[in-house]
Protein backbone atom coordinates (compact mmCIF):
# COMPACT_ATOMS: atom_id res chain seq x y z
CA UNK A 1 82.22 101.59 103.44
CA UNK A 2 85.44 103.30 104.31
CA UNK A 3 85.63 107.01 102.12
CA UNK A 4 89.38 107.29 101.21
CA UNK A 5 90.31 111.51 100.32
CA UNK A 6 92.24 111.11 97.44
CA UNK A 7 94.79 113.54 98.45
CA UNK A 8 98.52 113.15 98.57
CA UNK A 9 98.33 111.08 102.06
CA UNK A 10 95.60 110.26 104.28
CA UNK A 11 94.12 108.88 107.56
CA UNK A 12 91.70 105.63 107.27
CA UNK A 13 91.37 104.24 110.62
CA UNK A 14 94.64 104.81 111.62
CA UNK A 15 96.34 103.03 108.60
CA UNK A 16 98.07 106.20 106.82
CA UNK A 17 98.10 105.77 102.58
CA UNK A 18 99.79 107.25 99.61
CA UNK A 19 97.57 107.97 96.63
CA UNK A 20 98.53 106.60 93.22
CA UNK A 21 97.27 108.46 90.11
CA UNK A 22 97.52 106.74 86.41
CA UNK A 23 95.62 107.93 84.09
CA UNK A 24 94.95 107.39 80.20
CA UNK A 25 97.48 109.28 77.47
CA UNK A 26 96.17 107.32 74.62
CA UNK A 27 92.89 105.99 73.36
CA UNK A 28 93.92 103.23 71.82
CA UNK A 29 96.40 101.71 75.44
CA UNK A 30 93.38 99.36 76.86
CA UNK A 31 90.60 100.83 79.46
CA UNK A 32 91.19 101.24 83.40
CA UNK A 33 89.61 98.18 84.03
CA UNK A 34 92.14 95.89 82.29
CA UNK A 35 94.90 98.81 83.65
CA UNK A 36 94.02 98.24 86.80
CA UNK A 37 94.56 94.69 86.87
CA UNK A 38 98.24 94.64 84.75
CA UNK A 39 99.03 97.77 87.71
CA UNK A 40 98.31 95.90 90.81
CA UNK A 41 100.10 92.22 88.86
CA UNK A 42 103.39 94.34 88.54
CA UNK A 43 103.70 96.77 91.61
CA UNK A 44 104.70 93.94 94.44
CA UNK A 45 102.22 91.59 96.10
CA UNK A 46 102.72 92.14 100.16
CA UNK A 47 101.64 95.95 98.94
CA UNK A 48 98.11 96.46 100.41
CA UNK A 49 96.03 98.95 97.88
CA UNK A 50 92.30 99.88 97.44
CA UNK A 51 92.02 101.04 93.64
CA UNK A 52 89.34 102.97 92.14
CA UNK A 53 88.80 102.13 88.59
CA UNK A 54 87.52 104.78 86.07
CA UNK A 55 87.70 104.52 81.70
CA UNK A 56 90.26 107.06 81.33
CA UNK A 57 91.64 106.87 85.37
CA UNK A 58 93.07 104.92 87.79
CA UNK A 59 93.64 105.75 91.72
CA UNK A 60 95.40 103.45 94.06
CA UNK A 61 94.98 103.83 97.56
CA UNK A 62 98.68 102.18 99.05
CA UNK A 63 98.81 101.50 102.57
CA UNK A 64 102.25 102.79 103.85
CA UNK A 65 102.57 99.90 106.41
CA UNK A 66 103.00 97.57 103.70
CA UNK A 67 105.83 100.07 101.62
CA UNK A 68 108.94 101.28 102.89
CA UNK A 69 106.96 105.36 102.45
CA UNK A 70 105.54 107.06 99.85
CA UNK A 71 109.03 108.09 98.37
CA UNK A 72 109.36 104.31 97.85
CA UNK A 73 105.51 103.66 96.21
CA UNK A 74 106.26 106.34 93.75
CA UNK A 75 109.73 105.46 92.84
CA UNK A 76 108.08 101.44 91.93
CA UNK A 77 105.65 102.75 90.87
CA UNK A 78 107.96 105.07 88.23
CA UNK A 79 109.16 101.67 87.31
CA UNK A 80 106.69 99.58 86.38
CA UNK A 81 104.75 102.55 84.58
CA UNK A 82 108.08 101.37 82.19
CA UNK A 83 106.83 98.24 81.82
CA UNK A 84 105.30 98.00 78.10
CA UNK A 85 102.06 95.83 79.69
CA UNK A 86 101.46 100.25 80.80
CA UNK A 87 101.74 101.72 77.65
CA UNK A 88 99.31 104.69 76.78
CA UNK A 89 98.91 105.33 80.85
CA UNK A 90 101.61 107.46 82.53
CA UNK A 91 101.48 108.44 85.78
CA UNK A 92 99.46 112.31 86.85
CA UNK A 93 101.23 114.67 88.83
């Protein structure tokens, strides 16, 4: 298994990734396991993502080749985070 760094953007096996980090802000919000399913379900289905899930944090390594670039990824995630299903969580950074 290839390890992906938590840098802003990184290259793994010639594939550029950008990292999206969301963190739980309210203890009454669902944990990371539930949140990653919701998050992936709200993102475009053609995105290639590698999730890392912790109780209060989710990191998505999004392959840029499946998107229109890291700015487009961040804009889409910002919209997704406004969905009621993501209540209690917010994008870090």
